[in-house]
Amino acid sequence: MLKKMVSFGVITFVSMTLVACGSNEPTADSSATKSDTVWSEIEERGTLNVATSGTLYPSSFHESETDDLTGYEVEVIREVADRLDLDIEFTEMSVDGMLTSVNSSTIDIAAMGIDRDGENAEKFNYTIPYKYSFGAMVVRESDNSGIETLEDLKDKKAAGQLQRAT
């Protein structure tokens, strides 16, 4: 059963990945679609350029002993590249950089759990959701800045992406 679920997930991911390469708008000088053109460029290049965070366990992180990039999303995209007979090049960046890079064709895919909402919801193609995340806030017990309840967060600023030590 697990093998069937993983196969279905990989097939879905590959399908949506190819869709994410472009729109179905015909080009002005041919009947080929933009996605066909982008896919041809990827195929010719032989490399799938992928953005990921590298800082979000268990999706995309570095093994503590080897410092190798791994995680659920990393391993799924490696399988996709393997099945498409492509090399893969990961670039680690923040989510806002990923969207900009996909938009400018600097990268082909953003392998990251990115919510489909807000102004970007209609700009990009998304896979079928494969995980659900829930936000949480953590503060030091010794210095909670007056945060005891959710209402205490009003007008406070928060940031929350782990930065890798270099």
N, C-alpha and C. Protein backbone atom coordinates (compact mmCIF):
# COMPACT_ATOMS: atom_id res chain seq x y z
N MET A 1 0.82 -1.20 0.00
CA MET A 1 0.00 0.00 0.00
C MET A 1 0.86 1.26 0.00
N LEU A 2 1.91 1.24 0.85
CA LEU A 2 2.80 2.40 0.92
C LEU A 2 3.47 2.64 -0.43
N LYS A 3 3.87 1.55 -1.10
CA LYS A 3 4.52 1.68 -2.41
C LYS A 3 3.57 2.33 -3.41
N LYS A 4 2.29 1.95 -3.39
CA LYS A 4 1.31 2.55 -4.30
C LYS A 4 1.12 4.03 -3.99
N MET A 5 1.09 4.38 -2.70
CA MET A 5 0.92 5.78 -2.31
C MET A 5 2.11 6.61 -2.77
N VAL A 6 3.33 6.08 -2.57
CA VAL A 6 4.53 6.80 -2.99
C VAL A 6 4.54 6.95 -4.51
N SER A 7 4.20 5.87 -5.24
CA SER A 7 4.17 5.95 -6.71
C SER A 7 3.16 6.99 -7.17
N PHE A 8 1.97 6.99 -6.57
CA PHE A 8 0.96 7.98 -6.93
C PHE A 8 1.47 9.40 -6.63
N GLY A 9 2.12 9.56 -5.48
CA GLY A 9 2.66 10.87 -5.12
C GLY A 9 3.71 11.34 -6.10
N VAL A 10 4.60 10.45 -6.51
CA VAL A 10 5.65 10.81 -7.46
C VAL A 10 5.05 11.14 -8.82
N ILE A 11 4.09 10.33 -9.28
CA ILE A 11 3.45 10.60 -10.57
C ILE A 11 2.73 11.93 -10.54
N THR A 12 2.02 12.21 -9.45
CA THR A 12 1.33 13.49 -9.32
C THR A 12 2.33 14.64 -9.31
N PHE A 13 3.43 14.47 -8.57
CA PHE A 13 4.44 15.50 -8.47
C PHE A 13 5.07 15.76 -9.84
N VAL A 14 5.39 14.69 -10.58
CA VAL A 14 5.98 14.85 -11.91
C VAL A 14 5.01 15.57 -12.82
N SER A 15 3.75 15.15 -12.80
CA SER A 15 2.74 15.78 -13.66
C SER A 15 2.62 17.27 -13.36
N MET A 16 2.51 17.60 -12.09
CA MET A 16 2.35 19.00 -11.72
C MET A 16 3.63 19.78 -11.96
N THR A 17 4.77 19.11 -11.84
CA THR A 17 6.04 19.77 -12.12
C THR A 17 6.09 20.20 -13.58
N LEU A 18 5.70 19.31 -14.47
CA LEU A 18 5.71 19.66 -15.88
C LEU A 18 4.72 20.77 -16.18
N VAL A 19 3.58 20.74 -15.53
CA VAL A 19 2.60 21.80 -15.70
C VAL A 19 3.17 23.12 -15.19
N ALA A 20 3.96 23.07 -14.11
CA ALA A 20 4.50 24.28 -13.51
C ALA A 20 5.52 24.96 -14.40
N CYS A 21 5.98 24.28 -15.42
CA CYS A 21 6.99 24.87 -16.30
C CYS A 21 6.44 25.97 -17.18
N GLY A 22 5.16 26.12 -17.27
CA GLY A 22 4.63 27.20 -18.09
C GLY A 22 3.14 27.12 -18.24
N SER A 23 2.60 28.02 -19.04
CA SER A 23 1.16 28.05 -19.26
C SER A 23 0.82 27.31 -20.53
N ASN A 24 -0.45 27.23 -20.85
CA ASN A 24 -0.88 26.58 -22.08
C ASN A 24 -1.13 27.59 -23.18
N GLU A 25 -0.63 28.79 -23.04
CA GLU A 25 -0.78 29.83 -24.05
C GLU A 25 0.09 29.52 -25.25
N PRO A 26 -0.46 29.48 -26.46
CA PRO A 26 0.37 29.24 -27.64
C PRO A 26 1.35 30.39 -27.85
N THR A 27 2.52 30.05 -28.36
CA THR A 27 3.48 31.10 -28.69
C THR A 27 3.03 31.78 -29.98
N ALA A 28 3.52 32.97 -30.22
CA ALA A 28 3.09 33.76 -31.37
C ALA A 28 3.52 33.12 -32.69
N ASP A 29 4.70 32.48 -32.71
CA ASP A 29 5.22 31.99 -33.97
C ASP A 29 5.10 30.48 -34.17
N SER A 30 4.41 29.77 -33.30
CA SER A 30 4.25 28.33 -33.51
C SER A 30 3.05 27.84 -32.71
N SER A 31 2.69 26.57 -32.97
CA SER A 31 1.59 25.99 -32.22
C SER A 31 2.06 25.36 -30.92
N ALA A 32 3.38 25.35 -30.69
CA ALA A 32 3.92 24.80 -29.44
C ALA A 32 3.51 25.68 -28.27
N THR A 33 3.29 25.05 -27.15
CA THR A 33 2.94 25.82 -25.96
C THR A 33 4.20 26.24 -25.24
N LYS A 34 4.05 27.21 -24.37
CA LYS A 34 5.19 27.67 -23.58
C LYS A 34 5.74 26.54 -22.72
N SER A 35 4.84 25.72 -22.16
CA SER A 35 5.31 24.61 -21.33
C SER A 35 6.12 23.61 -22.15
N ASP A 36 5.73 23.39 -23.42
CA ASP A 36 6.52 22.52 -24.29
C ASP A 36 7.91 23.11 -24.51
N THR A 37 7.97 24.40 -24.73
CA THR A 37 9.24 25.08 -24.95
C THR A 37 10.12 25.00 -23.71
N VAL A 38 9.54 25.28 -22.56
CA VAL A 38 10.31 25.22 -21.31
C VAL A 38 10.78 23.80 -21.06
N TRP A 39 9.90 22.83 -21.27
CA TRP A 39 10.31 21.43 -21.08
C TRP A 39 11.44 21.07 -22.04
N SER A 40 11.37 21.53 -23.27
CA SER A 40 12.44 21.26 -24.25
C SER A 40 13.77 21.84 -23.77
N GLU A 41 13.71 23.03 -23.20
CA GLU A 41 14.93 23.67 -22.68
C GLU A 41 15.50 22.87 -21.51
N ILE A 42 14.64 22.39 -20.63
CA ILE A 42 15.09 21.59 -19.49
C ILE A 42 15.72 20.29 -20.00
N GLU A 43 15.03 19.64 -20.92
CA GLU A 43 15.53 18.39 -21.49
C GLU A 43 16.88 18.58 -22.16
N GLU A 44 17.01 19.65 -22.95
CA GLU A 44 18.27 19.92 -23.64
C GLU A 44 19.39 20.21 -22.64
N ARG A 45 19.08 20.98 -21.62
CA ARG A 45 20.05 21.32 -20.58
C ARG A 45 20.44 20.08 -19.79
N GLY A 46 19.47 19.18 -19.59
CA GLY A 46 19.73 17.94 -18.85
C GLY A 46 19.75 18.11 -17.35
N THR A 47 19.35 19.28 -16.89
CA THR A 47 19.38 19.58 -15.46
C THR A 47 18.09 20.24 -15.05
N LEU A 48 17.54 19.78 -13.96
CA LEU A 48 16.36 20.39 -13.36
C LEU A 48 16.84 21.30 -12.24
N ASN A 49 16.57 22.59 -12.35
CA ASN A 49 16.99 23.57 -11.34
C ASN A 49 15.87 23.73 -10.32
N VAL A 50 16.18 23.43 -9.06
CA VAL A 50 15.18 23.37 -8.02
C VAL A 50 15.58 24.25 -6.85
N ALA A 51 14.63 25.05 -6.38
CA ALA A 51 14.84 25.84 -5.17
C ALA A 51 14.23 25.11 -3.99
N THR A 52 14.90 25.14 -2.87
CA THR A 52 14.40 24.57 -1.63
C THR A 52 15.00 25.36 -0.48
N SER A 53 14.43 25.21 0.70
CA SER A 53 14.91 26.01 1.83
C SER A 53 16.18 25.46 2.45
N GLY A 54 16.27 24.15 2.58
CA GLY A 54 17.42 23.55 3.26
C GLY A 54 17.41 23.75 4.76
N THR A 55 16.34 24.36 5.26
CA THR A 55 16.29 24.69 6.70
C THR A 55 15.01 24.20 7.38
N LEU A 56 14.19 23.46 6.68
CA LEU A 56 12.86 23.11 7.21
C LEU A 56 12.72 21.61 7.39
N TYR A 57 13.00 21.13 8.60
CA TYR A 57 12.85 19.71 8.90
C TYR A 57 11.37 19.38 9.02
N PRO A 58 10.88 18.32 8.47
CA PRO A 58 11.53 17.22 7.76
C PRO A 58 11.47 17.36 6.25
N SER A 59 11.08 18.51 5.73
CA SER A 59 10.89 18.67 4.29
C SER A 59 12.18 18.88 3.51
N SER A 60 13.04 19.74 4.03
CA SER A 60 14.27 20.11 3.34
C SER A 60 15.27 20.59 4.38
N PHE A 61 16.27 19.76 4.64
CA PHE A 61 17.23 20.10 5.70
C PHE A 61 18.55 19.40 5.41
N HIS A 62 19.55 19.71 6.21
CA HIS A 62 20.87 19.09 6.07
C HIS A 62 21.06 18.07 7.19
N GLU A 63 21.52 16.87 6.81
CA GLU A 63 21.85 15.84 7.80
C GLU A 63 22.95 16.40 8.70
N SER A 64 22.80 16.21 10.00
CA SER A 64 23.77 16.79 10.93
C SER A 64 25.16 16.18 10.80
N GLU A 65 25.24 14.89 10.51
CA GLU A 65 26.55 14.24 10.44
C GLU A 65 27.27 14.48 9.12
N THR A 66 26.52 14.50 8.00
CA THR A 66 27.15 14.60 6.68
C THR A 66 26.96 15.95 6.03
N ASP A 67 26.03 16.74 6.51
CA ASP A 67 25.65 18.03 5.94
C ASP A 67 25.01 17.88 4.56
N ASP A 68 24.62 16.65 4.19
CA ASP A 68 23.95 16.41 2.91
C ASP A 68 22.52 16.93 2.97
N LEU A 69 22.07 17.54 1.87
CA LEU A 69 20.69 18.02 1.76
C LEU A 69 19.77 16.81 1.62
N THR A 70 18.72 16.77 2.41
CA THR A 70 17.75 15.68 2.36
C THR A 70 16.40 16.20 2.82
N GLY A 71 15.48 15.31 3.02
CA GLY A 71 14.13 15.67 3.47
C GLY A 71 13.11 15.15 2.47
N TYR A 72 11.86 15.13 2.88
CA TYR A 72 10.80 14.57 2.06
C TYR A 72 10.74 15.21 0.68
N GLU A 73 10.67 16.53 0.63
CA GLU A 73 10.55 17.22 -0.65
C GLU A 73 11.80 17.05 -1.50
N VAL A 74 12.96 17.05 -0.87
CA VAL A 74 14.22 16.86 -1.58
C VAL A 74 14.27 15.48 -2.21
N GLU A 75 13.88 14.47 -1.45
CA GLU A 75 13.95 13.09 -1.97
C GLU A 75 12.90 12.85 -3.05
N VAL A 76 11.72 13.45 -2.93
CA VAL A 76 10.70 13.31 -3.98
C VAL A 76 11.21 13.94 -5.27
N ILE A 77 11.78 15.13 -5.19
CA ILE A 77 12.25 15.78 -6.40
C ILE A 77 13.45 15.06 -7.00
N ARG A 78 14.27 14.44 -6.16
CA ARG A 78 15.37 13.60 -6.68
C ARG A 78 14.81 12.43 -7.48
N GLU A 79 13.75 11.83 -6.98
CA GLU A 79 13.11 10.71 -7.68
C GLU A 79 12.51 11.19 -9.00
N VAL A 80 11.89 12.36 -8.99
CA VAL A 80 11.34 12.93 -10.22
C VAL A 80 12.45 13.12 -11.25
N ALA A 81 13.55 13.74 -10.84
CA ALA A 81 14.66 13.97 -11.76
C ALA A 81 15.23 12.66 -12.28
N ASP A 82 15.33 11.67 -11.40
CA ASP A 82 15.84 10.36 -11.81
C ASP A 82 14.93 9.72 -12.86
N ARG A 83 13.63 9.77 -12.64
CA ARG A 83 12.68 9.18 -13.59
C ARG A 83 12.63 9.94 -14.91
N LEU A 84 12.95 11.23 -14.87
CA LEU A 84 12.99 12.03 -16.09
C LEU A 84 14.38 12.01 -16.74
N ASP A 85 15.30 11.26 -16.12
CA ASP A 85 16.68 11.14 -16.61
C ASP A 85 17.37 12.50 -16.68
N LEU A 86 17.20 13.27 -15.61
CA LEU A 86 17.80 14.60 -15.51
C LEU A 86 18.73 14.67 -14.31
N ASP A 87 19.78 15.47 -14.43
CA ASP A 87 20.56 15.82 -13.26
C ASP A 87 19.74 16.83 -12.48
N ILE A 88 20.14 17.09 -11.27
CA ILE A 88 19.39 18.04 -10.46
C ILE A 88 20.35 19.00 -9.79
N GLU A 89 19.98 20.25 -9.75
CA GLU A 89 20.78 21.25 -9.05
C GLU A 89 19.87 21.99 -8.08
N PHE A 90 20.19 21.85 -6.79
CA PHE A 90 19.40 22.53 -5.75
C PHE A 90 20.02 23.88 -5.45
N THR A 91 19.18 24.87 -5.27
CA THR A 91 19.59 26.19 -4.80
C THR A 91 18.77 26.47 -3.55
N GLU A 92 19.45 26.78 -2.47
CA GLU A 92 18.74 27.06 -1.23
C GLU A 92 18.43 28.54 -1.14
N MET A 93 17.16 28.82 -0.82
CA MET A 93 16.72 30.21 -0.71
C MET A 93 15.44 30.29 0.09
N SER A 94 15.03 31.50 0.43
CA SER A 94 13.79 31.72 1.16
C SER A 94 12.60 31.62 0.20
N VAL A 95 11.41 31.49 0.76
CA VAL A 95 10.20 31.32 -0.05
C VAL A 95 10.00 32.48 -1.01
N ASP A 96 10.17 33.71 -0.55
CA ASP A 96 9.95 34.85 -1.45
C ASP A 96 10.93 34.82 -2.62
N GLY A 97 12.15 34.39 -2.39
CA GLY A 97 13.12 34.24 -3.47
C GLY A 97 12.73 33.14 -4.44
N MET A 98 12.12 32.08 -3.91
CA MET A 98 11.68 30.97 -4.77
C MET A 98 10.65 31.43 -5.78
N LEU A 99 9.65 32.15 -5.30
CA LEU A 99 8.58 32.60 -6.19
C LEU A 99 9.13 33.54 -7.27
N THR A 100 10.00 34.43 -6.88
CA THR A 100 10.63 35.34 -7.83
C THR A 100 11.46 34.56 -8.85
N SER A 101 12.19 33.56 -8.38
CA SER A 101 13.05 32.76 -9.27
C SER A 101 12.24 31.90 -10.23
N VAL A 102 11.11 31.34 -9.78
CA VAL A 102 10.24 30.59 -10.70
C VAL A 102 9.67 31.55 -11.73
N ASN A 103 9.23 32.71 -11.27
CA ASN A 103 8.63 33.70 -12.16
C ASN A 103 9.60 34.17 -13.23
N SER A 104 10.88 34.31 -12.88
CA SER A 104 11.88 34.79 -13.84
C SER A 104 12.57 33.66 -14.58
N SER A 105 12.15 32.42 -14.35
CA SER A 105 12.73 31.23 -14.98
C SER A 105 14.17 30.97 -14.58
N THR A 106 14.62 31.53 -13.46
CA THR A 106 15.95 31.24 -12.93
C THR A 106 15.99 29.81 -12.41
N ILE A 107 14.88 29.36 -11.85
CA ILE A 107 14.73 27.98 -11.43
C ILE A 107 13.49 27.40 -12.09
N ASP A 108 13.43 26.07 -12.12
CA ASP A 108 12.31 25.41 -12.76
C ASP A 108 11.19 25.08 -11.77
N ILE A 109 11.58 24.71 -10.56
CA ILE A 109 10.61 24.24 -9.56
C ILE A 109 11.00 24.75 -8.19
N ALA A 110 10.00 25.13 -7.40
CA ALA A 110 10.21 25.43 -5.99
C ALA A 110 9.69 24.22 -5.20
N ALA A 111 10.60 23.47 -4.61
CA ALA A 111 10.23 22.29 -3.83
C ALA A 111 10.11 22.71 -2.38
N MET A 112 8.94 23.19 -2.04
CA MET A 112 8.71 23.75 -0.71
C MET A 112 7.22 23.81 -0.50
N GLY A 113 6.77 23.59 0.71
CA GLY A 113 5.35 23.70 1.00
C GLY A 113 4.93 25.16 0.96
N ILE A 114 4.44 25.61 -0.18
CA ILE A 114 4.03 27.00 -0.35
C ILE A 114 2.51 27.04 -0.43
N ASP A 115 1.90 27.82 0.43
CA ASP A 115 0.44 27.92 0.44
C ASP A 115 -0.08 28.57 -0.82
N ARG A 116 -1.22 28.09 -1.28
CA ARG A 116 -1.86 28.65 -2.46
C ARG A 116 -2.90 29.66 -1.99
N ASP A 117 -2.45 30.86 -1.75
CA ASP A 117 -3.38 31.93 -1.37
C ASP A 117 -2.72 33.27 -1.65
N GLY A 118 -3.48 34.32 -1.43
CA GLY A 118 -2.95 35.65 -1.64
C GLY A 118 -2.75 35.97 -3.11
N GLU A 119 -1.91 36.97 -3.36
CA GLU A 119 -1.72 37.46 -4.73
C GLU A 119 -1.04 36.45 -5.65
N ASN A 120 -0.34 35.46 -5.09
CA ASN A 120 0.36 34.49 -5.93
C ASN A 120 -0.49 33.28 -6.31
N ALA A 121 -1.68 33.17 -5.76
CA ALA A 121 -2.51 31.98 -5.97
C ALA A 121 -2.76 31.70 -7.44
N GLU A 122 -2.95 32.71 -8.23
CA GLU A 122 -3.25 32.51 -9.65
C GLU A 122 -2.03 32.63 -10.55
N LYS A 123 -0.88 33.04 -10.00
CA LYS A 123 0.32 33.24 -10.82
C LYS A 123 1.06 31.94 -11.12
N PHE A 124 0.95 30.96 -10.23
CA PHE A 124 1.75 29.76 -10.31
C PHE A 124 0.87 28.51 -10.33
N ASN A 125 1.42 27.42 -10.84
CA ASN A 125 0.76 26.13 -10.77
C ASN A 125 1.27 25.41 -9.53
N TYR A 126 0.37 24.75 -8.84
CA TYR A 126 0.70 24.06 -7.59
C TYR A 126 0.37 22.59 -7.72
N THR A 127 1.09 21.77 -6.97
CA THR A 127 0.74 20.36 -6.90
C THR A 127 -0.51 20.20 -6.05
N ILE A 128 -1.07 19.03 -6.11
CA ILE A 128 -2.14 18.68 -5.18
C ILE A 128 -1.49 18.67 -3.80
N PRO A 129 -2.13 19.24 -2.78
CA PRO A 129 -1.51 19.25 -1.44
C PRO A 129 -1.10 17.84 -1.00
N TYR A 130 0.10 17.73 -0.50
CA TYR A 130 0.60 16.45 -0.04
C TYR A 130 0.96 16.48 1.44
N LYS A 131 0.83 17.63 2.07
CA LYS A 131 1.01 17.71 3.52
C LYS A 131 0.25 18.93 4.02
N TYR A 132 -0.08 18.90 5.27
CA TYR A 132 -0.77 20.02 5.90
C TYR A 132 0.04 20.45 7.11
N SER A 133 0.26 21.73 7.23
CA SER A 133 1.06 22.27 8.33
C SER A 133 0.21 23.25 9.14
N PHE A 134 0.53 23.33 10.38
CA PHE A 134 -0.17 24.25 11.27
C PHE A 134 0.86 25.13 11.95
N GLY A 135 0.59 26.41 11.98
CA GLY A 135 1.52 27.35 12.59
C GLY A 135 1.52 27.27 14.10
N ALA A 136 2.63 27.63 14.68
CA ALA A 136 2.76 27.65 16.13
C ALA A 136 3.74 28.75 16.49
N MET A 137 3.60 29.27 17.67
CA MET A 137 4.53 30.28 18.19
C MET A 137 5.17 29.73 19.45
N VAL A 138 6.46 29.95 19.58
CA VAL A 138 7.18 29.52 20.77
C VAL A 138 7.97 30.72 21.28
N VAL A 139 7.89 30.95 22.57
CA VAL A 139 8.68 32.01 23.21
C VAL A 139 9.39 31.42 24.41
N ARG A 140 10.50 32.06 24.79
CA ARG A 140 11.23 31.61 25.98
C ARG A 140 10.37 31.85 27.21
N GLU A 141 10.30 30.90 28.08
CA GLU A 141 9.52 31.04 29.30
C GLU A 141 10.10 32.16 30.17
N SER A 142 11.43 32.32 30.15
CA SER A 142 12.07 33.34 30.98
C SER A 142 11.91 34.75 30.42
N ASP A 143 11.60 34.88 29.14
CA ASP A 143 11.47 36.20 28.51
C ASP A 143 10.40 36.13 27.43
N ASN A 144 9.14 36.10 27.83
CA ASN A 144 8.07 35.91 26.86
C ASN A 144 7.51 37.22 26.32
N SER A 145 8.14 38.35 26.65
CA SER A 145 7.75 39.66 26.12
C SER A 145 6.27 39.96 26.33
N GLY A 146 5.71 39.44 27.39
CA GLY A 146 4.31 39.69 27.69
C GLY A 146 3.35 38.83 26.90
N ILE A 147 3.84 37.79 26.25
CA ILE A 147 2.99 36.93 25.44
C ILE A 147 2.52 35.75 26.28
N GLU A 148 1.26 35.78 26.63
CA GLU A 148 0.65 34.70 27.40
C GLU A 148 -0.47 34.03 26.61
N THR A 149 -1.12 34.80 25.75
CA THR A 149 -2.24 34.27 24.96
C THR A 149 -2.08 34.71 23.51
N LEU A 150 -2.89 34.17 22.63
CA LEU A 150 -2.86 34.53 21.22
C LEU A 150 -3.15 36.02 21.03
N GLU A 151 -4.03 36.56 21.82
CA GLU A 151 -4.37 37.98 21.71
C GLU A 151 -3.17 38.88 22.02
N ASP A 152 -2.22 38.39 22.82
CA ASP A 152 -1.03 39.18 23.17
C ASP A 152 -0.09 39.38 21.97
N LEU A 153 -0.32 38.65 20.90
CA LEU A 153 0.52 38.79 19.70
C LEU A 153 0.14 40.01 18.86
N LYS A 154 -1.03 40.59 19.15
CA LYS A 154 -1.48 41.74 18.38
C LYS A 154 -0.43 42.85 18.43
N ASP A 155 -0.10 43.38 17.26
CA ASP A 155 0.88 44.46 17.07
C ASP A 155 2.32 44.04 17.35
N LYS A 156 2.58 42.77 17.54
CA LYS A 156 3.96 42.29 17.71
C LYS A 156 4.49 41.86 16.34
N LYS A 157 5.77 41.94 16.17
CA LYS A 157 6.40 41.48 14.95
C LYS A 157 7.10 40.17 15.26
N ALA A 158 7.03 39.25 14.30
CA ALA A 158 7.68 37.96 14.48
C ALA A 158 8.32 37.54 13.18
N ALA A 159 9.37 36.80 13.27
CA ALA A 159 10.03 36.22 12.11
C ALA A 159 10.29 34.77 12.43
N GLY A 160 10.47 33.95 11.39
CA GLY A 160 10.60 32.58 11.78
C GLY A 160 11.26 31.62 10.85
N GLN A 161 12.28 31.99 10.11
CA GLN A 161 12.96 30.98 9.33
C GLN A 161 14.32 30.72 9.95
N LEU A 162 14.59 29.44 10.19
CA LEU A 162 15.86 29.03 10.73
C LEU A 162 16.96 29.38 9.76
N GLN A 163 18.04 29.94 10.23
CA GLN A 163 19.19 30.25 9.37
C GLN A 163 20.28 29.23 9.65
N ARG A 164 20.84 28.68 8.59
CA ARG A 164 21.93 27.72 8.75
C ARG A 164 23.21 28.43 9.16
N ALA A 165 23.94 27.80 10.05
CA ALA A 165 25.25 28.34 10.42
C ALA A 165 26.23 28.02 9.30
N THR A 166 27.06 28.98 8.96
CA THR A 166 28.03 28.73 7.89
C THR A 166 29.42 28.60 8.44
